[in-house]
């Protein structure tokens, strides 16, 4: 009898609230709703985003009540957080499924929904960094140096559109400062490494808001 096996999912959206404060949970939840709203990668979320927003607002109200230290308010707040987490786990599973159905854009899909990855795809560029400099309109990008390699840095402001990625640098330097950017805009960056063995898959997507 023939048998078949399925490999483990490559992309797995990270949702971990255990060690986070309630304000952090609220902020991250709002970011997820914002990232998935009007996002063409997520046309049919398993729970309505309006429902999730209502749950977030309930957590905010419960947190305000808990600050009074009135009896039962802290327990009520934790109950609201748990209810919110159920919705968010459904969204995380949905985002992971979409990313795995579109592996070439999986990292960008999760980043666009403001999810991190539990397990990142294997590629030679996982150690790179992206951050805004102190100079307005500039972004610093650095990747891991590979012997006798060249690098391609790509940028977009819209991870929902695979065609929007543009090449901003191609050369042998593993550090690069992109200038002329718009202050207050979030830019998404990915890197490819080119060696004698060929071109790597795109790296994980990192982002930063430019000063």
N, C-alpha and C. Protein backbone atom coordinates (compact mmCIF):
# COMPACT_ATOMS: atom_id res chain seq x y z
N UNK A 1 0.85 -1.20 0.00
CA UNK A 1 0.00 0.00 0.00
C UNK A 1 0.88 1.23 0.00
N UNK A 2 0.58 2.16 -0.88
CA UNK A 2 1.38 3.39 -0.93
C UNK A 2 1.06 4.27 0.25
N UNK A 3 2.07 4.95 0.73
CA UNK A 3 1.89 5.88 1.84
C UNK A 3 2.41 7.23 1.43
N UNK A 4 1.91 8.26 2.07
CA UNK A 4 2.37 9.61 1.79
C UNK A 4 2.56 10.34 3.10
N UNK A 5 3.39 11.34 3.07
CA UNK A 5 3.63 12.14 4.27
C UNK A 5 3.67 13.60 3.89
N UNK A 6 3.33 14.44 4.83
CA UNK A 6 3.34 15.88 4.62
C UNK A 6 4.45 16.49 5.47
N UNK A 7 5.19 17.40 4.84
CA UNK A 7 6.25 18.08 5.59
C UNK A 7 5.64 19.12 6.51
N UNK A 8 6.38 19.48 7.54
CA UNK A 8 5.90 20.48 8.49
C UNK A 8 5.75 21.83 7.79
N UNK A 9 4.77 22.64 8.19
CA UNK A 9 4.59 23.95 7.57
C UNK A 9 5.87 24.78 7.66
N UNK A 10 6.15 25.47 6.62
CA UNK A 10 7.35 26.31 6.59
C UNK A 10 7.15 27.58 7.39
N UNK A 11 5.93 28.12 7.34
CA UNK A 11 5.63 29.37 8.02
C UNK A 11 4.63 29.14 9.14
N UNK A 12 4.91 29.74 10.27
CA UNK A 12 4.06 29.56 11.44
C UNK A 12 3.99 30.87 12.21
N UNK A 13 2.87 31.56 12.13
CA UNK A 13 2.73 32.87 12.77
C UNK A 13 2.86 32.75 14.29
N UNK A 14 3.65 33.62 14.85
CA UNK A 14 3.92 33.60 16.29
C UNK A 14 2.90 34.45 17.03
N UNK A 15 2.31 33.85 18.06
CA UNK A 15 1.39 34.57 18.94
C UNK A 15 1.67 34.09 20.35
N UNK A 16 2.36 34.88 21.13
CA UNK A 16 2.75 34.47 22.48
C UNK A 16 2.51 35.61 23.45
N UNK A 17 1.49 35.44 24.30
CA UNK A 17 1.11 36.49 25.24
C UNK A 17 1.55 36.19 26.68
N UNK A 18 2.13 35.02 26.91
CA UNK A 18 2.39 34.58 28.27
C UNK A 18 3.20 35.59 29.08
N UNK A 19 4.25 36.15 28.48
CA UNK A 19 5.15 37.04 29.21
C UNK A 19 4.95 38.51 28.87
N UNK A 20 3.82 38.83 28.28
CA UNK A 20 3.59 40.20 27.86
C UNK A 20 2.56 40.88 28.75
N UNK A 21 2.74 42.18 28.91
CA UNK A 21 1.80 42.96 29.70
C UNK A 21 0.53 43.19 28.90
N UNK A 22 -0.53 43.57 29.60
CA UNK A 22 -1.79 43.83 28.91
C UNK A 22 -1.66 44.97 27.90
N UNK A 23 -0.96 46.07 28.22
CA UNK A 23 -0.77 47.11 27.19
C UNK A 23 -0.05 46.58 25.95
N UNK A 24 0.93 45.69 26.12
CA UNK A 24 1.62 45.11 24.97
C UNK A 24 0.67 44.25 24.15
N UNK A 25 -0.17 43.48 24.83
CA UNK A 25 -1.14 42.64 24.13
C UNK A 25 -2.11 43.51 23.33
N UNK A 26 -2.56 44.60 23.91
CA UNK A 26 -3.48 45.50 23.22
C UNK A 26 -2.83 46.07 21.97
N UNK A 27 -1.59 46.55 22.12
CA UNK A 27 -0.88 47.17 20.99
C UNK A 27 -0.66 46.16 19.86
N UNK A 28 -0.21 44.95 20.20
CA UNK A 28 0.05 43.94 19.18
C UNK A 28 -1.25 43.50 18.50
N UNK A 29 -2.31 43.38 19.28
CA UNK A 29 -3.60 42.99 18.72
C UNK A 29 -4.11 44.04 17.73
N UNK A 30 -3.98 45.29 18.11
CA UNK A 30 -4.40 46.36 17.21
C UNK A 30 -3.58 46.35 15.93
N UNK A 31 -2.28 46.04 16.06
CA UNK A 31 -1.43 45.97 14.88
C UNK A 31 -1.84 44.85 13.94
N UNK A 32 -2.24 43.71 14.50
CA UNK A 32 -2.68 42.58 13.68
C UNK A 32 -3.96 42.93 12.92
N UNK A 33 -4.91 43.55 13.62
CA UNK A 33 -6.16 43.95 12.96
C UNK A 33 -5.86 44.96 11.85
N UNK A 34 -5.00 45.92 12.14
CA UNK A 34 -4.65 46.91 11.14
C UNK A 34 -3.98 46.27 9.93
N UNK A 35 -3.07 45.32 10.19
CA UNK A 35 -2.34 44.68 9.11
C UNK A 35 -3.21 43.80 8.23
N UNK A 36 -4.26 43.22 8.80
CA UNK A 36 -5.12 42.32 8.04
C UNK A 36 -6.29 43.03 7.38
N UNK A 37 -6.60 44.23 7.85
CA UNK A 37 -7.72 44.99 7.29
C UNK A 37 -7.42 45.42 5.86
N UNK A 38 -8.35 45.18 4.97
CA UNK A 38 -8.21 45.55 3.56
C UNK A 38 -6.94 44.98 2.93
N UNK A 39 -6.49 43.86 3.44
CA UNK A 39 -5.30 43.19 2.93
C UNK A 39 -5.74 42.08 1.98
N UNK A 40 -5.39 42.18 0.70
CA UNK A 40 -5.89 41.20 -0.27
C UNK A 40 -5.44 39.76 -0.02
N UNK A 41 -4.42 39.58 0.82
CA UNK A 41 -4.00 38.22 1.15
C UNK A 41 -4.99 37.54 2.10
N UNK A 42 -5.83 38.33 2.77
CA UNK A 42 -6.72 37.78 3.80
C UNK A 42 -8.17 38.17 3.51
N UNK A 43 -8.75 37.64 2.44
CA UNK A 43 -10.12 38.04 2.08
C UNK A 43 -11.20 37.45 2.99
N UNK A 44 -10.91 36.31 3.63
CA UNK A 44 -11.95 35.62 4.41
C UNK A 44 -11.43 35.18 5.77
N UNK A 45 -11.13 36.12 6.67
CA UNK A 45 -10.65 35.73 8.00
C UNK A 45 -11.70 34.90 8.73
N UNK A 46 -11.26 33.94 9.55
CA UNK A 46 -12.21 33.05 10.22
C UNK A 46 -13.05 33.74 11.28
N UNK A 47 -12.62 34.90 11.71
CA UNK A 47 -13.41 35.70 12.64
C UNK A 47 -13.38 37.13 12.12
N UNK A 48 -14.52 37.80 12.13
CA UNK A 48 -14.60 39.15 11.59
C UNK A 48 -13.66 40.08 12.36
N UNK A 49 -12.93 40.92 11.63
CA UNK A 49 -11.99 41.83 12.28
C UNK A 49 -12.71 42.83 13.18
N UNK A 50 -13.96 43.15 12.83
CA UNK A 50 -14.75 44.02 13.70
C UNK A 50 -15.01 43.36 15.05
N UNK A 51 -15.19 42.05 15.02
CA UNK A 51 -15.38 41.29 16.27
C UNK A 51 -14.12 41.33 17.11
N UNK A 52 -12.98 41.20 16.47
CA UNK A 52 -11.70 41.26 17.18
C UNK A 52 -11.50 42.65 17.78
N UNK A 53 -11.85 43.68 17.03
CA UNK A 53 -11.72 45.06 17.53
C UNK A 53 -12.60 45.26 18.75
N UNK A 54 -13.80 44.70 18.73
CA UNK A 54 -14.68 44.79 19.90
C UNK A 54 -14.05 44.10 21.10
N UNK A 55 -13.41 42.95 20.87
CA UNK A 55 -12.74 42.23 21.95
C UNK A 55 -11.57 43.04 22.50
N UNK A 56 -10.84 43.71 21.62
CA UNK A 56 -9.73 44.56 22.07
C UNK A 56 -10.26 45.69 22.93
N UNK A 57 -11.34 46.32 22.49
CA UNK A 57 -11.93 47.41 23.27
C UNK A 57 -12.41 46.93 24.63
N UNK A 58 -12.88 45.68 24.69
CA UNK A 58 -13.30 45.11 25.97
C UNK A 58 -12.12 44.93 26.90
N UNK A 59 -10.97 44.53 26.34
CA UNK A 59 -9.76 44.41 27.16
C UNK A 59 -9.33 45.77 27.68
N UNK A 60 -9.40 46.79 26.82
CA UNK A 60 -9.02 48.15 27.23
C UNK A 60 -9.90 48.62 28.38
N UNK A 61 -11.21 48.41 28.25
CA UNK A 61 -12.14 48.82 29.30
C UNK A 61 -11.88 48.04 30.59
N UNK A 62 -11.61 46.74 30.45
CA UNK A 62 -11.34 45.91 31.63
C UNK A 62 -10.04 46.31 32.31
N UNK A 63 -9.05 46.72 31.52
CA UNK A 63 -7.79 47.17 32.10
C UNK A 63 -8.00 48.45 32.91
N UNK A 64 -8.79 49.36 32.36
CA UNK A 64 -9.09 50.60 33.07
C UNK A 64 -9.78 50.30 34.40
N UNK A 65 -10.72 49.37 34.36
CA UNK A 65 -11.43 49.00 35.59
C UNK A 65 -10.49 48.34 36.59
N UNK A 66 -9.56 47.52 36.09
CA UNK A 66 -8.63 46.81 36.98
C UNK A 66 -7.70 47.75 37.71
N UNK A 67 -7.44 48.91 37.11
CA UNK A 67 -6.56 49.89 37.74
C UNK A 67 -7.16 50.47 39.02
N UNK A 68 -8.48 50.31 39.19
CA UNK A 68 -9.13 50.78 40.42
C UNK A 68 -8.92 49.80 41.57
N UNK A 69 -8.48 48.57 41.23
CA UNK A 69 -8.25 47.51 42.23
C UNK A 69 -9.54 47.08 42.91
N UNK A 70 -10.66 47.39 42.32
CA UNK A 70 -11.94 46.93 42.88
C UNK A 70 -11.99 45.40 42.77
N UNK A 71 -12.70 44.79 43.71
CA UNK A 71 -12.77 43.35 43.77
C UNK A 71 -13.30 42.75 42.47
N UNK A 72 -12.58 41.77 41.95
CA UNK A 72 -13.01 41.06 40.77
C UNK A 72 -12.60 41.68 39.45
N UNK A 73 -12.07 42.91 39.47
CA UNK A 73 -11.76 43.58 38.20
C UNK A 73 -10.54 42.97 37.51
N UNK A 74 -9.55 42.54 38.28
CA UNK A 74 -8.35 41.95 37.68
C UNK A 74 -8.70 40.62 37.01
N UNK A 75 -9.48 39.80 37.71
CA UNK A 75 -9.90 38.52 37.14
C UNK A 75 -10.73 38.75 35.88
N UNK A 76 -11.57 39.77 35.89
CA UNK A 76 -12.39 40.08 34.72
C UNK A 76 -11.52 40.51 33.55
N UNK A 77 -10.47 41.26 33.84
CA UNK A 77 -9.55 41.68 32.78
C UNK A 77 -8.87 40.48 32.14
N UNK A 78 -8.39 39.54 32.96
CA UNK A 78 -7.72 38.36 32.41
C UNK A 78 -8.70 37.51 31.58
N UNK A 79 -9.94 37.49 31.99
CA UNK A 79 -10.94 36.74 31.22
C UNK A 79 -11.14 37.37 29.84
N UNK A 80 -11.13 38.70 29.79
CA UNK A 80 -11.26 39.39 28.50
C UNK A 80 -10.03 39.14 27.62
N UNK A 81 -8.85 39.11 28.22
CA UNK A 81 -7.63 38.84 27.48
C UNK A 81 -7.68 37.42 26.88
N UNK A 82 -8.14 36.47 27.66
CA UNK A 82 -8.24 35.09 27.17
C UNK A 82 -9.22 34.98 26.01
N UNK A 83 -10.32 35.72 26.10
CA UNK A 83 -11.31 35.71 25.01
C UNK A 83 -10.70 36.30 23.74
N UNK A 84 -9.94 37.38 23.90
CA UNK A 84 -9.26 37.99 22.76
C UNK A 84 -8.24 37.04 22.15
N UNK A 85 -7.52 36.35 22.99
CA UNK A 85 -6.47 35.44 22.51
C UNK A 85 -7.06 34.34 21.64
N UNK A 86 -8.26 33.86 21.95
CA UNK A 86 -8.91 32.82 21.14
C UNK A 86 -9.11 33.32 19.72
N UNK A 87 -9.59 34.55 19.59
CA UNK A 87 -9.77 35.13 18.25
C UNK A 87 -8.44 35.27 17.52
N UNK A 88 -7.42 35.77 18.24
CA UNK A 88 -6.13 36.03 17.60
C UNK A 88 -5.45 34.74 17.17
N UNK A 89 -5.66 33.68 17.90
CA UNK A 89 -5.06 32.39 17.49
C UNK A 89 -5.72 31.89 16.21
N UNK A 90 -7.00 32.15 16.07
CA UNK A 90 -7.67 31.80 14.81
C UNK A 90 -7.08 32.59 13.65
N UNK A 91 -6.81 33.87 13.88
CA UNK A 91 -6.21 34.70 12.83
C UNK A 91 -4.78 34.26 12.54
N UNK A 92 -4.04 33.87 13.58
CA UNK A 92 -2.66 33.40 13.38
C UNK A 92 -2.63 32.13 12.55
N UNK A 93 -3.53 31.20 12.83
CA UNK A 93 -3.60 29.97 12.06
C UNK A 93 -3.99 30.26 10.61
N UNK A 94 -4.89 31.19 10.42
CA UNK A 94 -5.32 31.58 9.08
C UNK A 94 -4.15 32.20 8.31
N UNK A 95 -3.42 33.12 8.97
CA UNK A 95 -2.28 33.77 8.32
C UNK A 95 -1.20 32.75 7.96
N UNK A 96 -0.96 31.78 8.85
CA UNK A 96 0.03 30.74 8.57
C UNK A 96 -0.39 29.93 7.36
N UNK A 97 -1.68 29.60 7.27
CA UNK A 97 -2.17 28.83 6.14
C UNK A 97 -1.99 29.57 4.83
N UNK A 98 -2.31 30.86 4.83
CA UNK A 98 -2.14 31.67 3.61
C UNK A 98 -0.67 31.75 3.22
N UNK A 99 0.20 31.94 4.21
CA UNK A 99 1.63 32.03 3.93
C UNK A 99 2.17 30.72 3.35
N UNK A 100 1.71 29.60 3.87
CA UNK A 100 2.18 28.31 3.38
C UNK A 100 1.62 27.96 2.01
N UNK A 101 0.49 28.54 1.67
CA UNK A 101 -0.07 28.35 0.34
C UNK A 101 0.64 29.21 -0.70
N UNK A 102 1.36 30.22 -0.21
CA UNK A 102 2.09 31.13 -1.09
C UNK A 102 3.52 31.28 -0.57
N UNK A 103 4.29 30.19 -0.57
CA UNK A 103 5.60 30.19 0.10
C UNK A 103 6.59 31.23 -0.42
N UNK A 104 6.50 31.60 -1.70
CA UNK A 104 7.43 32.60 -2.24
C UNK A 104 7.24 33.95 -1.57
N UNK A 105 6.04 34.20 -1.05
CA UNK A 105 5.73 35.47 -0.38
C UNK A 105 5.36 35.28 1.08
N UNK A 106 5.64 34.07 1.63
CA UNK A 106 5.18 33.75 2.97
C UNK A 106 5.64 34.70 4.05
N UNK A 107 6.94 35.03 4.05
CA UNK A 107 7.46 35.93 5.07
C UNK A 107 6.84 37.31 4.97
N UNK A 108 6.70 37.80 3.73
CA UNK A 108 6.10 39.11 3.53
C UNK A 108 4.63 39.13 3.93
N UNK A 109 3.94 38.03 3.68
CA UNK A 109 2.52 37.94 4.06
C UNK A 109 2.36 38.08 5.57
N UNK A 110 3.18 37.35 6.32
CA UNK A 110 3.09 37.42 7.79
C UNK A 110 3.51 38.79 8.30
N UNK A 111 4.56 39.35 7.70
CA UNK A 111 5.02 40.68 8.12
C UNK A 111 3.95 41.72 7.86
N UNK A 112 3.24 41.60 6.72
CA UNK A 112 2.20 42.56 6.40
C UNK A 112 1.04 42.52 7.38
N UNK A 113 0.83 41.37 8.00
CA UNK A 113 -0.23 41.23 9.00
C UNK A 113 0.30 41.46 10.42
N UNK A 114 1.56 41.87 10.50
CA UNK A 114 2.21 42.15 11.79
C UNK A 114 2.34 40.92 12.67
N UNK A 115 2.54 39.76 12.02
CA UNK A 115 2.89 38.54 12.73
C UNK A 115 4.38 38.27 12.56
N UNK A 116 5.01 37.71 13.59
CA UNK A 116 6.35 37.19 13.46
C UNK A 116 6.25 35.71 13.13
N UNK A 117 7.39 35.10 12.85
CA UNK A 117 7.39 33.67 12.57
C UNK A 117 7.91 32.89 13.74
N UNK A 118 7.24 31.76 14.03
CA UNK A 118 7.72 30.86 15.07
C UNK A 118 8.96 30.10 14.58
N UNK A 119 8.94 29.72 13.33
CA UNK A 119 10.08 29.03 12.75
C UNK A 119 10.38 29.63 11.40
N UNK A 120 11.55 30.23 11.25
CA UNK A 120 11.88 30.95 10.04
C UNK A 120 12.44 30.01 8.98
N UNK A 121 12.19 30.32 7.72
CA UNK A 121 12.75 29.50 6.66
C UNK A 121 14.27 29.57 6.65
N UNK A 122 14.89 28.47 6.27
CA UNK A 122 16.34 28.42 6.26
C UNK A 122 16.87 29.16 5.05
N UNK A 123 17.73 30.12 5.27
CA UNK A 123 18.44 30.81 4.20
C UNK A 123 19.65 31.49 4.82
N UNK A 124 20.60 31.94 4.01
CA UNK A 124 21.86 32.46 4.56
C UNK A 124 21.78 33.88 5.09
N UNK A 125 20.60 34.48 5.12
CA UNK A 125 20.53 35.90 5.48
C UNK A 125 19.74 36.18 6.76
N UNK A 126 19.52 35.17 7.58
CA UNK A 126 18.67 35.37 8.75
C UNK A 126 19.24 36.34 9.78
N UNK A 127 20.54 36.64 9.71
CA UNK A 127 21.15 37.50 10.72
C UNK A 127 21.22 38.96 10.36
N UNK A 128 20.52 39.40 9.34
CA UNK A 128 20.69 40.78 8.92
C UNK A 128 19.87 41.74 9.76
N UNK A 129 20.19 43.05 9.62
CA UNK A 129 19.53 44.09 10.43
C UNK A 129 19.05 45.22 9.55
N UNK A 130 17.97 45.83 9.98
CA UNK A 130 17.43 47.01 9.30
C UNK A 130 16.97 47.98 10.37
N UNK A 131 17.42 49.24 10.27
CA UNK A 131 16.92 50.24 11.22
C UNK A 131 17.11 51.64 10.65
N UNK A 132 16.28 52.56 11.12
CA UNK A 132 16.40 53.95 10.69
C UNK A 132 17.64 54.56 11.31
N UNK A 133 18.30 55.45 10.59
CA UNK A 133 19.43 56.18 11.14
C UNK A 133 18.91 57.44 11.84
N UNK A 134 19.81 58.20 12.42
CA UNK A 134 19.42 59.45 13.07
C UNK A 134 19.17 60.56 12.06
N UNK A 135 19.52 60.29 10.81
CA UNK A 135 19.32 61.27 9.75
C UNK A 135 17.96 61.03 9.09
N UNK A 136 17.10 62.02 9.02
CA UNK A 136 15.80 61.82 8.39
C UNK A 136 15.92 61.29 6.96
N UNK A 137 15.04 60.35 6.63
CA UNK A 137 15.01 59.83 5.27
C UNK A 137 16.03 58.76 4.96
N UNK A 138 16.67 58.21 5.98
CA UNK A 138 17.71 57.21 5.74
C UNK A 138 17.40 55.90 6.46
N UNK A 139 17.80 54.79 5.83
CA UNK A 139 17.61 53.46 6.39
C UNK A 139 18.92 52.69 6.27
N UNK A 140 19.37 52.12 7.40
CA UNK A 140 20.61 51.34 7.42
C UNK A 140 20.26 49.86 7.28
N UNK A 141 20.97 49.19 6.37
CA UNK A 141 20.73 47.76 6.12
C UNK A 141 22.06 47.03 6.19
N UNK A 142 22.10 45.93 6.92
CA UNK A 142 23.32 45.14 7.00
C UNK A 142 22.96 43.67 7.01
N UNK A 143 23.68 42.86 6.24
CA UNK A 143 23.47 41.43 6.22
C UNK A 143 24.75 40.72 6.62
N UNK A 144 24.66 39.42 6.83
CA UNK A 144 25.82 38.63 7.22
C UNK A 144 26.77 38.50 6.03
N UNK A 145 28.05 38.71 6.27
CA UNK A 145 29.03 38.60 5.20
C UNK A 145 29.26 37.13 4.84
N UNK A 146 29.22 36.84 3.56
CA UNK A 146 29.49 35.51 3.04
C UNK A 146 30.71 35.60 2.13
N UNK A 147 31.62 34.65 2.27
CA UNK A 147 32.86 34.68 1.51
C UNK A 147 32.60 34.69 0.01
N UNK A 148 33.23 35.65 -0.68
CA UNK A 148 33.15 35.80 -2.13
C UNK A 148 31.71 35.84 -2.63
N UNK A 149 30.90 36.64 -1.96
CA UNK A 149 29.49 36.77 -2.34
C UNK A 149 29.15 38.21 -2.69
N UNK A 150 28.08 38.39 -3.42
CA UNK A 150 27.51 39.71 -3.64
C UNK A 150 26.09 39.70 -3.08
N UNK A 151 25.51 40.89 -2.96
CA UNK A 151 24.23 41.01 -2.26
C UNK A 151 23.26 41.86 -3.07
N UNK A 152 22.00 41.53 -2.93
CA UNK A 152 20.94 42.32 -3.54
C UNK A 152 19.94 42.69 -2.45
N UNK A 153 19.74 43.99 -2.25
CA UNK A 153 18.79 44.48 -1.26
C UNK A 153 17.54 44.96 -2.00
N UNK A 154 16.39 44.49 -1.54
CA UNK A 154 15.12 44.86 -2.16
C UNK A 154 14.21 45.54 -1.13
N UNK A 155 13.37 46.44 -1.60
CA UNK A 155 12.55 47.25 -0.70
C UNK A 155 11.13 47.39 -1.26
N UNK A 156 10.17 47.52 -0.33
CA UNK A 156 8.80 47.84 -0.69
C UNK A 156 8.12 48.55 0.47
N UNK A 157 7.02 49.20 0.19
CA UNK A 157 6.16 49.75 1.24
C UNK A 157 4.85 49.00 1.31
N UNK A 158 4.69 48.01 0.43
CA UNK A 158 3.42 47.27 0.34
C UNK A 158 3.72 45.78 0.17
N UNK A 159 3.75 45.05 1.27
CA UNK A 159 4.07 43.62 1.20
C UNK A 159 2.93 42.79 0.61
N UNK A 160 1.76 43.39 0.43
CA UNK A 160 0.65 42.65 -0.16
C UNK A 160 0.77 42.56 -1.67
N UNK A 161 1.69 43.32 -2.26
CA UNK A 161 1.87 43.33 -3.70
C UNK A 161 3.24 42.79 -4.07
N UNK A 162 3.34 41.52 -4.49
CA UNK A 162 4.64 40.94 -4.81
C UNK A 162 5.41 41.71 -5.87
N UNK A 163 4.69 42.40 -6.77
CA UNK A 163 5.35 43.12 -7.85
C UNK A 163 5.96 44.45 -7.39
N UNK A 164 5.68 44.84 -6.14
CA UNK A 164 6.15 46.16 -5.67
C UNK A 164 7.60 46.14 -5.19
N UNK A 165 8.19 44.96 -5.04
CA UNK A 165 9.58 44.89 -4.57
C UNK A 165 10.52 45.47 -5.63
N UNK A 166 11.38 46.39 -5.22
CA UNK A 166 12.34 47.00 -6.13
C UNK A 166 13.76 46.83 -5.59
N UNK A 167 14.71 46.68 -6.50
CA UNK A 167 16.11 46.51 -6.11
C UNK A 167 16.70 47.88 -5.78
N UNK A 168 17.26 48.02 -4.58
CA UNK A 168 17.84 49.30 -4.19
C UNK A 168 19.36 49.24 -4.08
N UNK A 169 19.92 48.03 -4.12
CA UNK A 169 21.38 47.90 -4.10
C UNK A 169 21.77 46.53 -4.63
N UNK A 170 22.85 46.51 -5.40
CA UNK A 170 23.43 45.26 -5.88
C UNK A 170 24.93 45.43 -5.93
N UNK A 171 25.64 44.64 -5.11
CA UNK A 171 27.09 44.78 -5.06
C UNK A 171 27.71 43.86 -4.02
N UNK A 172 28.97 44.09 -3.72
CA UNK A 172 29.71 43.20 -2.83
C UNK A 172 29.74 43.67 -1.38
N UNK A 173 29.22 44.85 -1.10
CA UNK A 173 29.21 45.35 0.27
C UNK A 173 28.00 44.80 1.02
N UNK A 174 28.23 44.38 2.25
CA UNK A 174 27.13 43.81 3.03
C UNK A 174 26.42 44.86 3.88
N UNK A 175 26.87 46.12 3.77
CA UNK A 175 26.21 47.21 4.48
C UNK A 175 25.79 48.27 3.46
N UNK A 176 24.65 48.88 3.72
CA UNK A 176 24.14 49.85 2.75
C UNK A 176 23.22 50.83 3.48
N UNK A 177 23.31 52.10 3.11
CA UNK A 177 22.40 53.13 3.63
C UNK A 177 21.57 53.66 2.48
N UNK A 178 20.26 53.46 2.57
CA UNK A 178 19.34 53.96 1.56
C UNK A 178 18.90 55.35 1.96
N UNK A 179 19.05 56.31 1.07
CA UNK A 179 18.70 57.70 1.35
C UNK A 179 17.49 58.13 0.52
N UNK A 180 17.02 59.32 0.81
CA UNK A 180 15.93 59.89 0.03
C UNK A 180 14.57 59.29 0.30
N UNK A 181 14.40 58.68 1.47
CA UNK A 181 13.13 58.05 1.81
C UNK A 181 12.19 59.05 2.47
N UNK A 182 10.92 58.69 2.57
CA UNK A 182 9.91 59.57 3.13
C UNK A 182 9.79 59.37 4.64
N UNK A 183 9.99 60.43 5.39
CA UNK A 183 9.91 60.36 6.86
C UNK A 183 8.53 59.88 7.30
N UNK A 184 8.52 59.03 8.33
CA UNK A 184 7.28 58.52 8.86
C UNK A 184 6.71 57.34 8.13
N UNK A 185 7.39 56.87 7.08
CA UNK A 185 6.91 55.74 6.29
C UNK A 185 7.62 54.46 6.72
N UNK A 186 6.89 53.36 6.79
CA UNK A 186 7.51 52.07 7.09
C UNK A 186 7.95 51.41 5.79
N UNK A 187 9.21 51.01 5.75
CA UNK A 187 9.79 50.33 4.59
C UNK A 187 10.14 48.90 4.96
N UNK A 188 9.84 47.98 4.05
CA UNK A 188 10.13 46.56 4.25
C UNK A 188 11.33 46.18 3.37
N UNK A 189 12.26 45.42 3.96
CA UNK A 189 13.51 45.08 3.29
C UNK A 189 13.72 43.57 3.29
N UNK A 190 14.24 43.05 2.18
CA UNK A 190 14.69 41.67 2.13
C UNK A 190 16.00 41.62 1.34
N UNK A 191 16.75 40.55 1.54
CA UNK A 191 18.09 40.44 0.97
C UNK A 191 18.25 39.11 0.25
N UNK A 192 19.02 39.13 -0.84
CA UNK A 192 19.44 37.90 -1.51
C UNK A 192 20.96 37.87 -1.54
N UNK A 193 21.52 36.70 -1.38
CA UNK A 193 22.96 36.52 -1.47
C UNK A 193 23.28 35.72 -2.73
N UNK A 194 24.26 36.21 -3.47
CA UNK A 194 24.66 35.55 -4.71
C UNK A 194 26.09 35.02 -4.57
N UNK A 195 26.26 33.71 -4.73
CA UNK A 195 27.58 33.07 -4.66
C UNK A 195 27.82 32.27 -5.93
N UNK A 196 28.93 31.56 -5.96
CA UNK A 196 29.24 30.72 -7.13
C UNK A 196 28.20 29.61 -7.29
N UNK A 197 27.46 29.33 -6.22
CA UNK A 197 26.44 28.29 -6.27
C UNK A 197 25.09 28.81 -6.73
N UNK A 198 25.02 30.12 -6.97
CA UNK A 198 23.77 30.70 -7.43
C UNK A 198 23.20 31.71 -6.45
N UNK A 199 21.96 32.10 -6.70
CA UNK A 199 21.28 33.12 -5.90
C UNK A 199 20.42 32.46 -4.83
N UNK A 200 20.50 32.98 -3.60
CA UNK A 200 19.69 32.43 -2.51
C UNK A 200 18.23 32.86 -2.66
N UNK A 201 17.37 32.20 -1.92
CA UNK A 201 15.99 32.66 -1.80
C UNK A 201 15.97 33.98 -1.04
N UNK A 202 14.94 34.79 -1.20
CA UNK A 202 14.87 36.03 -0.43
C UNK A 202 14.93 35.76 1.07
N UNK A 203 15.59 36.64 1.78
CA UNK A 203 15.71 36.50 3.24
C UNK A 203 14.38 36.79 3.91
N UNK A 204 14.38 36.68 5.23
CA UNK A 204 13.24 37.14 6.01
C UNK A 204 13.03 38.62 5.75
N UNK A 205 11.82 39.09 5.93
CA UNK A 205 11.50 40.49 5.72
C UNK A 205 11.60 41.24 7.05
N UNK A 206 12.37 42.30 7.06
CA UNK A 206 12.45 43.18 8.21
C UNK A 206 11.93 44.56 7.80
N UNK A 207 11.53 45.36 8.77
CA UNK A 207 11.01 46.68 8.43
C UNK A 207 11.39 47.71 9.48
N UNK A 208 11.30 48.96 9.10
CA UNK A 208 11.57 50.06 10.02
C UNK A 208 10.88 51.30 9.51
N UNK A 209 10.48 52.14 10.45
CA UNK A 209 9.89 53.43 10.09
C UNK A 209 11.01 54.46 10.03
N UNK A 210 11.07 55.19 8.94
CA UNK A 210 12.14 56.17 8.72
C UNK A 210 11.83 57.46 9.48
N UNK A 211 12.85 58.03 10.10
CA UNK A 211 12.70 59.29 10.82
C UNK A 211 12.46 60.43 9.82
